[in-house]
Protein backbone atom coordinates (compact mmCIF):
# COMPACT_ATOMS: atom_id res chain seq x y z
CA MET A 1 10.30 -27.32 34.55
CA TYR A 2 8.26 -24.96 36.71
CA ARG A 3 9.08 -22.07 34.40
CA HIS A 4 7.91 -24.09 31.37
CA LEU A 5 4.69 -24.97 33.19
CA LYS A 6 4.07 -21.30 33.93
CA SER A 7 4.64 -20.46 30.26
CA PHE A 8 2.15 -23.14 29.19
CA LYS A 9 -0.47 -21.82 31.63
CA LEU A 10 0.17 -18.27 30.48
CA GLY A 11 -0.30 -19.21 26.83
CA PHE A 12 -3.49 -21.11 27.61
CA PHE A 13 -4.79 -18.15 29.64
CA ILE A 14 -4.10 -15.70 26.80
CA LEU A 15 -5.85 -17.93 24.26
CA LEU A 16 -8.83 -18.34 26.59
CA ILE A 17 -9.20 -14.60 27.08
CA ALA A 18 -8.74 -14.01 23.36
CA ASN A 19 -11.60 -16.39 22.62
CA ILE A 20 -13.83 -14.70 25.19
CA LEU A 21 -13.10 -11.22 23.88
CA SER A 22 -13.38 -12.26 20.23
CA ALA A 23 -17.06 -12.86 20.89
CA CYS A 24 -17.28 -9.13 21.45
CA ALA A 25 -15.36 -8.27 18.31
CA THR A 26 -18.35 -8.75 16.01
CA ALA A 27 -20.26 -5.99 17.79
CA PRO A 28 -19.38 -2.30 17.30
CA GLU A 29 -16.37 -1.33 19.42
CA LYS A 30 -18.38 1.73 20.60
CA GLN A 31 -20.38 -0.55 22.91
CA PHE A 32 -17.27 -1.19 24.97
CA GLN A 33 -16.13 2.37 25.52
CA ASP A 34 -16.77 3.25 29.13
CA PRO A 35 -19.70 1.47 30.80
CA TYR A 36 -18.14 1.98 34.25
CA GLU A 37 -17.51 5.71 33.87
CA LYS A 38 -18.90 6.69 37.27
CA THR A 39 -16.61 4.26 39.13
CA ASN A 40 -13.73 5.00 36.78
CA ARG A 41 -13.98 8.70 37.57
CA GLN A 42 -13.77 8.01 41.30
CA ILE A 43 -10.63 5.91 40.85
CA TYR A 44 -9.22 8.50 38.45
CA ALA A 45 -9.70 11.19 41.13
CA PHE A 46 -7.80 9.00 43.60
CA ASN A 47 -5.00 8.51 41.08
CA GLN A 48 -4.84 12.26 40.50
CA GLY A 49 -4.34 12.71 44.24
CA VAL A 50 -1.50 10.17 44.28
CA ASP A 51 0.07 11.90 41.29
CA LYS A 52 -0.21 15.34 42.88
CA ILE A 53 1.16 14.29 46.26
CA VAL A 54 3.78 11.69 45.28
CA LEU A 55 4.56 11.09 41.61
CA LYS A 56 4.61 14.61 40.20
CA PRO A 57 6.84 16.07 42.98
CA ALA A 58 9.20 13.09 42.66
CA GLY A 59 9.35 13.59 38.90
CA GLN A 60 10.02 17.32 39.32
CA VAL A 61 12.90 16.70 41.74
CA TYR A 62 14.36 14.02 39.47
CA ALA A 63 14.14 16.30 36.42
CA ALA A 64 15.66 19.24 38.32
CA ILE A 65 18.74 17.45 39.68
CA THR A 66 19.44 14.96 36.89
CA PRO A 67 21.37 16.07 33.78
CA ASP A 68 19.51 15.56 30.49
CA ILE A 69 22.06 13.04 29.22
CA VAL A 70 21.56 10.93 32.35
CA GLN A 71 17.78 11.14 31.99
CA GLU A 72 18.10 9.94 28.40
CA GLY A 73 20.25 7.01 29.51
CA VAL A 74 17.78 6.05 32.24
CA GLY A 75 14.91 6.22 29.76
CA ASN A 76 16.86 4.04 27.32
CA PHE A 77 17.55 1.53 30.09
CA PHE A 78 13.88 1.12 30.98
CA ASP A 79 12.90 0.91 27.30
CA ASN A 80 15.44 -1.87 26.80
CA LEU A 81 14.30 -3.64 29.96
CA SER A 82 10.79 -3.97 28.53
CA TYR A 83 11.91 -4.82 24.99
CA PRO A 84 11.64 -8.65 25.36
CA ASN A 85 7.87 -8.03 25.51
CA THR A 86 8.02 -6.30 22.11
CA VAL A 87 10.10 -9.07 20.53
CA VAL A 88 7.81 -11.88 21.73
CA ASN A 89 4.73 -10.06 20.46
CA GLN A 90 6.31 -9.33 17.09
CA PHE A 91 6.60 -13.08 16.56
CA LEU A 92 3.14 -13.78 17.99
CA GLN A 93 1.70 -11.34 15.42
CA GLY A 94 3.53 -13.08 12.59
CA LYS A 95 6.00 -10.21 12.12
CA VAL A 96 8.95 -12.54 11.77
CA GLY A 97 11.33 -10.08 10.13
CA GLU A 98 10.59 -7.45 12.75
CA GLY A 99 11.04 -10.08 15.46
CA PHE A 100 14.55 -10.99 14.35
CA ALA A 101 15.37 -7.28 14.01
CA GLY A 102 14.05 -6.84 17.55
CA ILE A 103 16.36 -9.61 18.80
CA GLY A 104 19.26 -7.81 17.15
CA ARG A 105 18.27 -4.49 18.69
CA LEU A 106 17.89 -6.02 22.14
CA GLY A 107 21.24 -7.83 21.87
CA LEU A 108 23.18 -4.78 20.69
CA ASN A 109 21.75 -2.40 23.25
CA THR A 110 22.14 -4.88 26.11
CA THR A 111 25.81 -5.57 25.28
CA LEU A 112 27.40 -2.66 23.42
CA GLY A 113 24.83 -0.28 24.91
CA ILE A 114 25.76 -1.35 28.46
CA GLY A 115 22.43 -2.72 29.58
CA GLY A 116 20.49 -0.45 27.24
CA ILE A 117 21.79 2.84 28.63
CA PHE A 118 22.99 3.74 25.14
CA ASP A 119 20.83 3.19 22.06
CA VAL A 120 23.56 1.92 19.75
CA ALA A 121 21.13 -0.26 17.76
CA SER A 122 19.44 2.72 16.12
CA GLY A 123 22.80 3.63 14.61
CA PHE A 124 22.74 0.25 12.86
CA GLY A 125 19.28 0.91 11.46
CA LEU A 126 17.48 -1.20 14.08
CA LYS A 127 14.82 1.27 15.17
CA ALA A 128 12.62 0.85 18.23
CA ASP A 129 9.22 -0.74 17.80
CA ARG A 130 6.37 -1.10 20.26
CA GLU A 131 4.31 -4.29 20.38
CA ASP A 132 2.54 -5.79 23.38
CA PHE A 133 0.03 -8.49 24.28
CA GLY A 134 -2.86 -6.04 23.98
CA GLN A 135 -1.92 -5.44 20.35
CA THR A 136 -1.46 -9.18 19.84
CA LEU A 137 -4.90 -9.96 21.25
CA SER A 138 -6.32 -7.37 18.85
CA ALA A 139 -4.50 -9.03 15.95
CA TRP A 140 -6.04 -12.34 17.02
CA GLY A 141 -9.52 -10.81 16.80
CA ALA A 142 -10.23 -9.91 20.43
CA GLY A 143 -12.47 -6.91 21.06
CA THR A 144 -11.40 -4.07 23.33
CA GLY A 145 -13.70 -4.90 26.20
CA PRO A 146 -14.71 -2.16 28.67
CA TYR A 147 -12.46 0.74 29.64
CA ILE A 148 -11.38 0.42 33.26
CA VAL A 149 -9.28 2.60 35.56
CA VAL A 150 -7.01 0.76 38.00
CA PRO A 151 -5.81 2.41 41.23
CA VAL A 152 -2.32 3.91 40.79
CA PHE A 153 -1.73 2.21 37.41
CA GLY A 154 -4.29 4.24 35.44
CA GLY A 155 -6.70 3.42 32.62
CA PHE A 156 -6.75 0.43 30.28
CA THR A 157 -9.18 -1.38 28.07
CA PHE A 158 -9.91 -4.83 29.44
CA ARG A 159 -7.97 -6.31 26.54
CA ASP A 160 -4.92 -4.22 27.39
CA SER A 161 -5.17 -5.04 31.10
CA VAL A 162 -4.97 -8.75 30.21
CA GLY A 163 -1.95 -7.91 28.09
CA GLN A 164 -0.28 -6.12 30.99
CA VAL A 165 -0.63 -9.19 33.21
CA ALA A 166 0.58 -11.51 30.44
CA ALA A 167 3.73 -9.40 30.02
CA LEU A 168 4.89 -9.79 33.63
CA PRO A 169 6.87 -13.04 33.08
CA LEU A 170 8.82 -11.30 30.28
CA LEU A 171 10.28 -8.64 32.57
CA PRO A 172 13.97 -9.55 33.09
CA GLN A 173 13.87 -8.50 36.74
CA ASN A 174 11.38 -11.31 37.36
CA TRP A 175 13.92 -13.87 36.17
CA VAL A 176 16.19 -13.22 39.16
CA GLY A 177 15.70 -15.62 42.04
CA ASN A 178 14.50 -13.90 45.22
CA GLY A 179 14.63 -10.60 43.37
CA GLN A 180 11.69 -8.91 45.09
CA ASN A 181 13.78 -5.93 46.15
CA LEU A 182 15.08 -5.54 42.62
CA VAL A 183 11.55 -5.66 41.21
CA ILE A 184 10.30 -3.07 43.71
CA GLY A 185 13.32 -0.82 43.16
CA LEU A 186 12.98 -0.89 39.39
CA ALA A 187 9.22 -0.31 39.63
CA VAL A 188 9.75 2.79 41.77
CA GLY A 189 12.56 4.03 39.52
CA GLY A 190 10.45 3.46 36.43
CA ALA A 191 7.51 5.33 37.96
CA VAL A 192 9.68 8.35 38.80
CA GLU A 193 11.30 8.36 35.34
CA THR A 194 7.89 8.14 33.67
CA SER A 195 6.52 10.91 35.86
CA ALA A 196 9.44 13.16 34.91
CA SER A 197 8.98 12.43 31.21
CA LEU A 198 5.30 13.44 31.44
CA LEU A 199 5.83 16.81 33.13
CA GLU A 200 5.27 18.73 29.91
CA ALA A 201 2.44 16.46 28.77
CA ARG A 202 0.52 17.22 31.97
CA LYS A 203 0.27 20.86 30.86
CA LEU A 204 -1.67 19.82 27.75
CA VAL A 205 -4.51 18.25 29.72
CA THR A 206 -7.46 20.66 29.57
CA GLY A 207 -11.21 20.68 30.17
CA ASP A 208 -12.62 17.45 31.57
CA LYS A 209 -9.34 15.81 32.52
CA TYR A 210 -10.87 12.34 32.81
CA LEU A 211 -12.27 12.44 29.26
CA PHE A 212 -9.09 14.03 27.91
CA THR A 213 -6.90 11.32 29.46
CA ARG A 214 -9.21 8.47 28.47
CA ASP A 215 -9.62 9.56 24.86
CA ALA A 216 -5.91 10.28 24.45
CA TYR A 217 -5.15 6.76 25.71
CA LEU A 218 -7.75 5.10 23.47
CA GLN A 219 -6.64 7.01 20.38
CA ARG A 220 -2.99 6.17 20.98
CA ARG A 221 -3.83 2.50 21.44
CA GLN A 222 -5.83 2.54 18.22
CA PHE A 223 -2.85 4.16 16.46
CA LEU A 224 -0.42 1.50 17.77
CA ILE A 225 -2.74 -1.39 16.94
CA ALA A 226 -3.11 -0.07 13.39
CA ASP A 227 0.72 0.21 13.13
CA GLY A 228 0.46 3.95 12.60
CA VAL A 229 -2.28 3.85 9.96
CA GLN A 230 -4.81 6.55 10.79
CA ASN A 231 -8.47 5.58 10.94
CA GLU A 232 -10.79 8.36 9.79
CA GLU A 233 -13.68 6.88 11.78
CA ASP A 234 -12.54 7.25 15.37
CA PRO A 235 -15.29 5.88 17.66
CA PHE A 236 -13.93 7.81 20.64
CA LEU A 237 -14.03 11.36 19.27
CA ASP A 238 -17.72 12.11 19.84
CA ASP A 239 -17.99 11.02 23.46
CA GLU A 240 -19.91 13.19 25.87
CA PRO A 241 -19.73 13.04 29.67
CA SER A 242 -22.49 10.90 31.11
CA ARG A 243 -25.36 12.75 32.83
CA ASP A 244 -24.45 10.99 36.08
CA ASN A 245 -21.35 13.17 36.26
CA GLU A 246 -22.88 16.55 35.41
């Protein structure tokens, strides 16, 4: 009963936020780019320090001592662990066919794929998709809201940050009673795996790293929300650093 009550509250919360943000949707999205840039840059600098001291070295060690095939299996496992979020949001966006395909993919990889370590579903034509509550809120008409940088976790639009919180009850590790150690362990493991997977991507970051990271994130989110359809008018391409940061 408690779990059902939490689900009801979660759904009400999402709808409330969607209604608040939809009021912003009629205005140009450019208004909501980065009004807190000065503060965001300070938090970004802190995150860069954490990455340099903790995450990047851990990722380098993991990549150096772990065979590629094991790294692939670990990546598959974490992708499968988060896949209930994709399935739920496929249905919430009215993508019923994709939702049932997602259920099939999740079921095959969890069983035949031994907890998702092996991606057997792709061999059956059930390819991976990526949907989340941020994309769902966009489909419901919610505007992006301001861009914000969160300590350790990085940058999000306000809409996507709401989506991140809404996704927490869908993480399987949260379904285990008294599973705090499991949650912490998987969070640390996921952070190290992600850090290792981004080792090459880090080398591509040039110039103003804050702007590069922010714009790359915003453009990718726009791409995912549009289901891969490119928009020729990208409101984030002509940004200039604010004078406060010169």
